[in-house]
Every structure is written in C-alpha cells, then in structure tokens.
Amino acid sequence: MIRTLAVVLMMLPLSSCLAGAVIGAAVDVTGAVVGTTVKTTGAVIGAAIPDGDDEDDDDDRFRK
C-alpha cells in the first residue's frame, strides 16, 4: 500500500511537467503558423499592390 501511494505521489509532478510540455509545444506551433501566415500575406500584398518601384528605372542610370 505504501509503495502504491509513493508511486502515485511521484507521478503527480511528472504529469504536470508533461502537461506543460504539451502546452508549450502547442504554443510554439501556433506561433510558427501565425508568423508564416503573416509573412505570406505580406508577400502577396506586396506583389498585388504596385509601389512605383520598377526595374526599368534602374536601367536609366547606365544610359547616361
């Protein structure tokens, strides 16, 4: 009986560590997905909205 109680008391801290690790991993994955989504959205917006920076303008400096 004492051994069973000792094993149960030893398992409690380990289970809380496991729960913390699972939550930490979920937060890391969520952060990576959100970061990738923001970068992709920025790239799409940058490609769709012209900002007046044409590559042809760079060629004019060589013609002088």
PDB file of N, CA and C in Angstrom:
ATOM      1  N   MET A   1       0.824  -1.191   0.000  1.00  0.00           N
ATOM      2  CA  MET A   1       0.000   0.000   0.000  1.00  0.00           C
ATOM      3  C   MET A   1       0.872   1.259   0.000  1.00  0.00           C
ATOM      4  N   ILE A   2       1.933   1.227   0.793  1.00  0.00           N
ATOM      5  CA  ILE A   2       2.817   2.394   0.876  1.00  0.00           C
ATOM      6  C   ILE A   2       3.541   2.601  -0.455  1.00  0.00           C
ATOM      7  N   ARG A   3       3.937   1.508  -1.098  1.00  0.00           N
ATOM      8  CA  ARG A   3       4.606   1.635  -2.406  1.00  0.00           C
ATOM      9  C   ARG A   3       3.672   2.252  -3.440  1.00  0.00           C
ATOM     10  N   THR A   4       2.429   1.809  -3.449  1.00  0.00           N
ATOM     11  CA  THR A   4       1.459   2.354  -4.395  1.00  0.00           C
ATOM     12  C   THR A   4       1.260   3.845  -4.151  1.00  0.00           C
ATOM     13  N   LEU A   5       1.139   4.227  -2.924  1.00  0.00           N
ATOM     14  CA  LEU A   5       0.981   5.640  -2.584  1.00  0.00           C
ATOM     15  C   LEU A   5       2.219   6.442  -2.986  1.00  0.00           C
ATOM     16  N   ALA A   6       3.396   5.867  -2.776  1.00  0.00           N
ATOM     17  CA  ALA A   6       4.638   6.545  -3.159  1.00  0.00           C
ATOM     18  C   ALA A   6       4.728   6.713  -4.670  1.00  0.00           C
ATOM     19  N   VAL A   7       4.333   5.696  -5.409  1.00  0.00           N
ATOM     20  CA  VAL A   7       4.361   5.777  -6.873  1.00  0.00           C
ATOM     21  C   VAL A   7       3.379   6.831  -7.367  1.00  0.00           C
ATOM     22  N   VAL A   8       2.205   6.872  -6.808  1.00  0.00           N
ATOM     23  CA  VAL A   8       1.203   7.871  -7.197  1.00  0.00           C
ATOM     24  C   VAL A   8       1.708   9.282  -6.889  1.00  0.00           C
ATOM     25  N   LEU A   9       2.316   9.469  -5.735  1.00  0.00           N
ATOM     26  CA  LEU A   9       2.835  10.792  -5.377  1.00  0.00           C
ATOM     27  C   LEU A   9       4.004  11.207  -6.268  1.00  0.00           C
ATOM     28  N   MET A  10       4.785  10.253  -6.753  1.00  0.00           N
ATOM     29  CA  MET A  10       5.883  10.573  -7.669  1.00  0.00           C
ATOM     30  C   MET A  10       5.383  10.887  -9.076  1.00  0.00           C
ATOM     31  N   MET A  11       4.253  10.309  -9.444  1.00  0.00           N
ATOM     32  CA  MET A  11       3.724  10.521 -10.792  1.00  0.00           C
ATOM     33  C   MET A  11       3.058  11.880 -10.949  1.00  0.00           C
ATOM     34  N   LEU A  12       2.563  12.464  -9.894  1.00  0.00           N
ATOM     35  CA  LEU A  12       1.868  13.741  -9.992  1.00  0.00           C
ATOM     36  C   LEU A  12       2.754  14.861 -10.547  1.00  0.00           C
ATOM     37  N   PRO A  13       3.960  15.068 -10.042  1.00  0.00           N
ATOM     38  CA  PRO A  13       4.802  16.120 -10.618  1.00  0.00           C
ATOM     39  C   PRO A  13       5.190  15.837 -12.071  1.00  0.00           C
ATOM     40  N   LEU A  14       5.380  14.565 -12.401  1.00  0.00           N
ATOM     41  CA  LEU A  14       5.735  14.219 -13.778  1.00  0.00           C
ATOM     42  C   LEU A  14       4.594  14.503 -14.739  1.00  0.00           C
ATOM     43  N   SER A  15       3.380  14.266 -14.313  1.00  0.00           N
ATOM     44  CA  SER A  15       2.246  14.531 -15.199  1.00  0.00           C
ATOM     45  C   SER A  15       2.062  16.027 -15.427  1.00  0.00           C
ATOM     46  N   SER A  16       2.356  16.828 -14.418  1.00  0.00           N
ATOM     47  CA  SER A  16       2.245  18.278 -14.623  1.00  0.00           C
ATOM     48  C   SER A  16       3.344  18.775 -15.555  1.00  0.00           C
ATOM     49  N   CYS A  17       4.525  18.168 -15.495  1.00  0.00           N
ATOM     50  CA  CYS A  17       5.589  18.531 -16.436  1.00  0.00           C
ATOM     51  C   CYS A  17       5.195  18.157 -17.859  1.00  0.00           C
ATOM     52  N   LEU A  18       4.575  16.999 -17.999  1.00  0.00           N
ATOM     53  CA  LEU A  18       4.134  16.565 -19.323  1.00  0.00           C
ATOM     54  C   LEU A  18       3.068  17.498 -19.872  1.00  0.00           C
ATOM     55  N   ALA A  19       2.142  17.909 -19.040  1.00  0.00           N
ATOM     56  CA  ALA A  19       1.101  18.838 -19.478  1.00  0.00           C
ATOM     57  C   ALA A  19       1.714  20.171 -19.890  1.00  0.00           C
ATOM     58  N   GLY A  20       2.698  20.645 -19.143  1.00  0.00           N
ATOM     59  CA  GLY A  20       3.368  21.892 -19.502  1.00  0.00           C
ATOM     60  C   GLY A  20       4.111  21.774 -20.813  1.00  0.00           C
ATOM     61  N   ALA A  21       4.721  20.635 -21.075  1.00  0.00           N
ATOM     62  CA  ALA A  21       5.441  20.418 -22.332  1.00  0.00           C
ATOM     63  C   ALA A  21       4.475  20.388 -23.514  1.00  0.00           C
ATOM     64  N   VAL A  22       3.336  19.760 -23.335  1.00  0.00           N
ATOM     65  CA  VAL A  22       2.343  19.691 -24.412  1.00  0.00           C
ATOM     66  C   VAL A  22       1.805  21.086 -24.725  1.00  0.00           C
ATOM     67  N   ILE A  23       1.510  21.855 -23.716  1.00  0.00           N
ATOM     68  CA  ILE A  23       1.011  23.221 -23.923  1.00  0.00           C
ATOM     69  C   ILE A  23       2.084  24.083 -24.569  1.00  0.00           C
ATOM     70  N   GLY A  24       3.325  23.940 -24.145  1.00  0.00           N
ATOM     71  CA  GLY A  24       4.418  24.699 -24.744  1.00  0.00           C
ATOM     72  C   GLY A  24       4.606  24.369 -26.208  1.00  0.00           C
ATOM     73  N   ALA A  25       4.498  23.101 -26.555  1.00  0.00           N
ATOM     74  CA  ALA A  25       4.625  22.698 -27.955  1.00  0.00           C
ATOM     75  C   ALA A  25       3.479  23.259 -28.791  1.00  0.00           C
ATOM     76  N   ALA A  26       2.280  23.254 -28.248  1.00  0.00           N
ATOM     77  CA  ALA A  26       1.128  23.798 -28.981  1.00  0.00           C
ATOM     78  C   ALA A  26       1.290  25.293 -29.218  1.00  0.00           C
ATOM     79  N   VAL A  27       1.809  26.010 -28.246  1.00  0.00           N
ATOM     80  CA  VAL A  27       2.031  27.449 -28.402  1.00  0.00           C
ATOM     81  C   VAL A  27       3.113  27.709 -29.447  1.00  0.00           C
ATOM     82  N   ASP A  28       4.169  26.911 -29.452  1.00  0.00           N
ATOM     83  CA  ASP A  28       5.226  27.065 -30.445  1.00  0.00           C
ATOM     84  C   ASP A  28       4.715  26.835 -31.863  1.00  0.00           C
ATOM     85  N   VAL A  29       3.918  25.809 -32.044  1.00  0.00           N
ATOM     86  CA  VAL A  29       3.367  25.512 -33.371  1.00  0.00           C
ATOM     87  C   VAL A  29       2.427  26.619 -33.813  1.00  0.00           C
ATOM     88  N   THR A  30       1.593  27.095 -32.917  1.00  0.00           N
ATOM     89  CA  THR A  30       0.667  28.176 -33.256  1.00  0.00           C
ATOM     90  C   THR A  30       1.426  29.435 -33.642  1.00  0.00           C
ATOM     91  N   GLY A  31       2.480  29.756 -32.918  1.00  0.00           N
ATOM     92  CA  GLY A  31       3.281  30.929 -33.244  1.00  0.00           C
ATOM     93  C   GLY A  31       3.944  30.804 -34.599  1.00  0.00           C
ATOM     94  N   ALA A  32       4.413  29.624 -34.931  1.00  0.00           N
ATOM     95  CA  ALA A  32       5.045  29.416 -36.235  1.00  0.00           C
ATOM     96  C   ALA A  32       4.035  29.545 -37.366  1.00  0.00           C
ATOM     97  N   VAL A  33       2.839  29.018 -37.166  1.00  0.00           N
ATOM     98  CA  VAL A  33       1.802  29.106 -38.206  1.00  0.00           C
ATOM     99  C   VAL A  33       1.376  30.555 -38.411  1.00  0.00           C
ATOM    100  N   VAL A  34       1.188  31.281 -37.334  1.00  0.00           N
ATOM    101  CA  VAL A  34       0.784  32.689 -37.455  1.00  0.00           C
ATOM    102  C   VAL A  34       1.887  33.507 -38.118  1.00  0.00           C
ATOM    103  N   GLY A  35       3.125  33.275 -37.752  1.00  0.00           N
ATOM    104  CA  GLY A  35       4.238  34.004 -38.352  1.00  0.00           C
ATOM    105  C   GLY A  35       4.353  33.744 -39.838  1.00  0.00           C
ATOM    106  N   THR A  36       4.196  32.500 -40.244  1.00  0.00           N
ATOM    107  CA  THR A  36       4.257  32.160 -41.661  1.00  0.00           C
ATOM    108  C   THR A  36       3.092  32.776 -42.419  1.00  0.00           C
ATOM    109  N   THR A  37       1.922  32.779 -41.819  1.00  0.00           N
ATOM    110  CA  THR A  37       0.755  33.371 -42.466  1.00  0.00           C
ATOM    111  C   THR A  37       0.945  34.863 -42.675  1.00  0.00           C
ATOM    112  N   VAL A  38       1.478  35.549 -41.699  1.00  0.00           N
ATOM    113  CA  VAL A  38       1.701  36.989 -41.813  1.00  0.00           C
ATOM    114  C   VAL A  38       2.731  37.284 -42.904  1.00  0.00           C
ATOM    115  N   LYS A  39       3.802  36.524 -42.967  1.00  0.00           N
ATOM    116  CA  LYS A  39       4.819  36.732 -43.996  1.00  0.00           C
ATOM    117  C   LYS A  39       4.258  36.480 -45.388  1.00  0.00           C
ATOM    118  N   THR A  40       3.476  35.417 -45.531  1.00  0.00           N
ATOM    119  CA  THR A  40       2.884  35.098 -46.827  1.00  0.00           C
ATOM    120  C   THR A  40       1.897  36.175 -47.244  1.00  0.00           C
ATOM    121  N   THR A  41       1.083  36.634 -46.322  1.00  0.00           N
ATOM    122  CA  THR A  41       0.119  37.690 -46.639  1.00  0.00           C
ATOM    123  C   THR A  41       0.840  38.966 -47.050  1.00  0.00           C
ATOM    124  N   GLY A  42       1.913  39.308 -46.375  1.00  0.00           N
ATOM    125  CA  GLY A  42       2.693  40.491 -46.742  1.00  0.00           C
ATOM    126  C   GLY A  42       3.287  40.368 -48.127  1.00  0.00           C
ATOM    127  N   ALA A  43       3.759  39.186 -48.478  1.00  0.00           N
ATOM    128  CA  ALA A  43       4.333  38.977 -49.811  1.00  0.00           C
ATOM    129  C   ALA A  43       3.267  39.084 -50.889  1.00  0.00           C
ATOM    130  N   VAL A  44       2.097  38.556 -50.634  1.00  0.00           N
ATOM    131  CA  VAL A  44       1.010  38.626 -51.622  1.00  0.00           C
ATOM    132  C   VAL A  44       0.556  40.067 -51.801  1.00  0.00           C
ATOM    133  N   ILE A  45       0.424  40.783 -50.711  1.00  0.00           N
ATOM    134  CA  ILE A  45       0.015  42.187 -50.806  1.00  0.00           C
ATOM    135  C   ILE A  45       1.085  43.001 -51.525  1.00  0.00           C
ATOM    136  N   GLY A  46       2.343  42.727 -51.236  1.00  0.00           N
ATOM    137  CA  GLY A  46       3.433  43.430 -51.904  1.00  0.00           C
ATOM    138  C   GLY A  46       3.459  43.159 -53.396  1.00  0.00           C
ATOM    139  N   ALA A  47       3.068  41.965 -53.808  1.00  0.00           N
ATOM    140  CA  ALA A  47       3.050  41.629 -55.229  1.00  0.00           C
ATOM    141  C   ALA A  47       1.822  42.201 -55.917  1.00  0.00           C
ATOM    142  N   ALA A  48       0.717  42.330 -55.203  1.00  0.00           N
ATOM    143  CA  ALA A  48      -0.532  42.772 -55.823  1.00  0.00           C
ATOM    144  C   ALA A  48      -0.640  44.287 -55.908  1.00  0.00           C
ATOM    145  N   ILE A  49      -0.046  45.000 -54.973  1.00  0.00           N
ATOM    146  CA  ILE A  49      -0.158  46.459 -54.946  1.00  0.00           C
ATOM    147  C   ILE A  49       1.158  47.058 -55.429  1.00  0.00           C
ATOM    148  N   PRO A  50       1.146  47.740 -56.565  1.00  0.00           N
ATOM    149  CA  PRO A  50       2.393  48.324 -57.064  1.00  0.00           C
ATOM    150  C   PRO A  50       2.833  49.493 -56.179  1.00  0.00           C
ATOM    151  N   ASP A  51       4.133  49.608 -55.979  1.00  0.00           N
ATOM    152  CA  ASP A  51       4.646  50.691 -55.146  1.00  0.00           C
ATOM    153  C   ASP A  51       5.483  51.682 -55.940  1.00  0.00           C
ATOM    154  N   GLY A  52       5.440  51.579 -57.244  1.00  0.00           N
ATOM    155  CA  GLY A  52       6.167  52.532 -58.079  1.00  0.00           C
ATOM    156  C   GLY A  52       7.632  52.194 -58.260  1.00  0.00           C
ATOM    157  N   ASP A  53       8.079  51.064 -57.783  1.00  0.00           N
ATOM    158  CA  ASP A  53       9.475  50.666 -57.922  1.00  0.00           C
ATOM    159  C   ASP A  53       9.580  49.727 -59.114  1.00  0.00           C
ATOM    160  N   ASP A  54       9.926  50.271 -60.250  1.00  0.00           N
ATOM    161  CA  ASP A  54      10.056  49.475 -61.455  1.00  0.00           C
ATOM    162  C   ASP A  54      11.510  49.112 -61.697  1.00  0.00           C
ATOM    163  N   GLU A  55      11.723  47.955 -62.264  1.00  0.00           N
ATOM    164  CA  GLU A  55      13.086  47.554 -62.589  1.00  0.00           C
ATOM    165  C   GLU A  55      13.622  48.340 -63.776  1.00  0.00           C
ATOM    166  N   ASP A  56      12.740  48.879 -64.626  1.00  0.00           N
ATOM    167  CA  ASP A  56      13.175  49.649 -65.787  1.00  0.00           C
ATOM    168  C   ASP A  56      13.852  50.950 -65.372  1.00  0.00           C
ATOM    169  N   ASP A  57      13.485  51.480 -64.224  1.00  0.00           N
ATOM    170  CA  ASP A  57      14.100  52.725 -63.751  1.00  0.00           C
ATOM    171  C   ASP A  57      15.582  52.533 -63.457  1.00  0.00           C
ATOM    172  N   ASP A  58      15.964  51.343 -63.055  1.00  0.00           N
ATOM    173  CA  ASP A  58      17.359  51.070 -62.739  1.00  0.00           C
ATOM    174  C   ASP A  58      18.233  51.082 -63.999  1.00  0.00           C
ATOM    175  N   ASP A  59      17.645  50.788 -65.149  1.00  0.00           N
ATOM    176  CA  ASP A  59      18.423  50.747 -66.392  1.00  0.00           C
ATOM    177  C   ASP A  59      18.787  52.139 -66.887  1.00  0.00           C
ATOM    178  N   ASP A  60      18.071  53.176 -66.459  1.00  0.00           N
ATOM    179  CA  ASP A  60      18.340  54.538 -66.920  1.00  0.00           C
ATOM    180  C   ASP A  60      19.699  55.051 -66.439  1.00  0.00           C
ATOM    181  N   ARG A  61      20.191  54.574 -65.358  1.00  0.00           N
ATOM    182  CA  ARG A  61      21.466  55.073 -64.851  1.00  0.00           C
ATOM    183  C   ARG A  61      22.643  54.612 -65.734  1.00  0.00           C
ATOM    184  N   PHE A  62      22.454  53.535 -66.492  1.00  0.00           N
ATOM    185  CA  PHE A  62      23.532  53.049 -67.354  1.00  0.00           C
ATOM    186  C   PHE A  62      23.544  53.782 -68.703  1.00  0.00           C
ATOM    187  N   ARG A  63      22.481  54.441 -69.053  1.00  0.00           N
ATOM    188  CA  ARG A  63      22.385  55.124 -70.346  1.00  0.00           C
ATOM    189  C   ARG A  63      23.051  56.495 -70.346  1.00  0.00           C
ATOM    190  N   LYS A  64      23.390  57.014 -69.221  1.00  0.00           N
ATOM    191  CA  LYS A  64      23.960  58.358 -69.126  1.00  0.00           C
ATOM    192  C   LYS A  64      25.359  58.425 -69.687  1.00  0.00           C
TER     193      LYS A  64
END
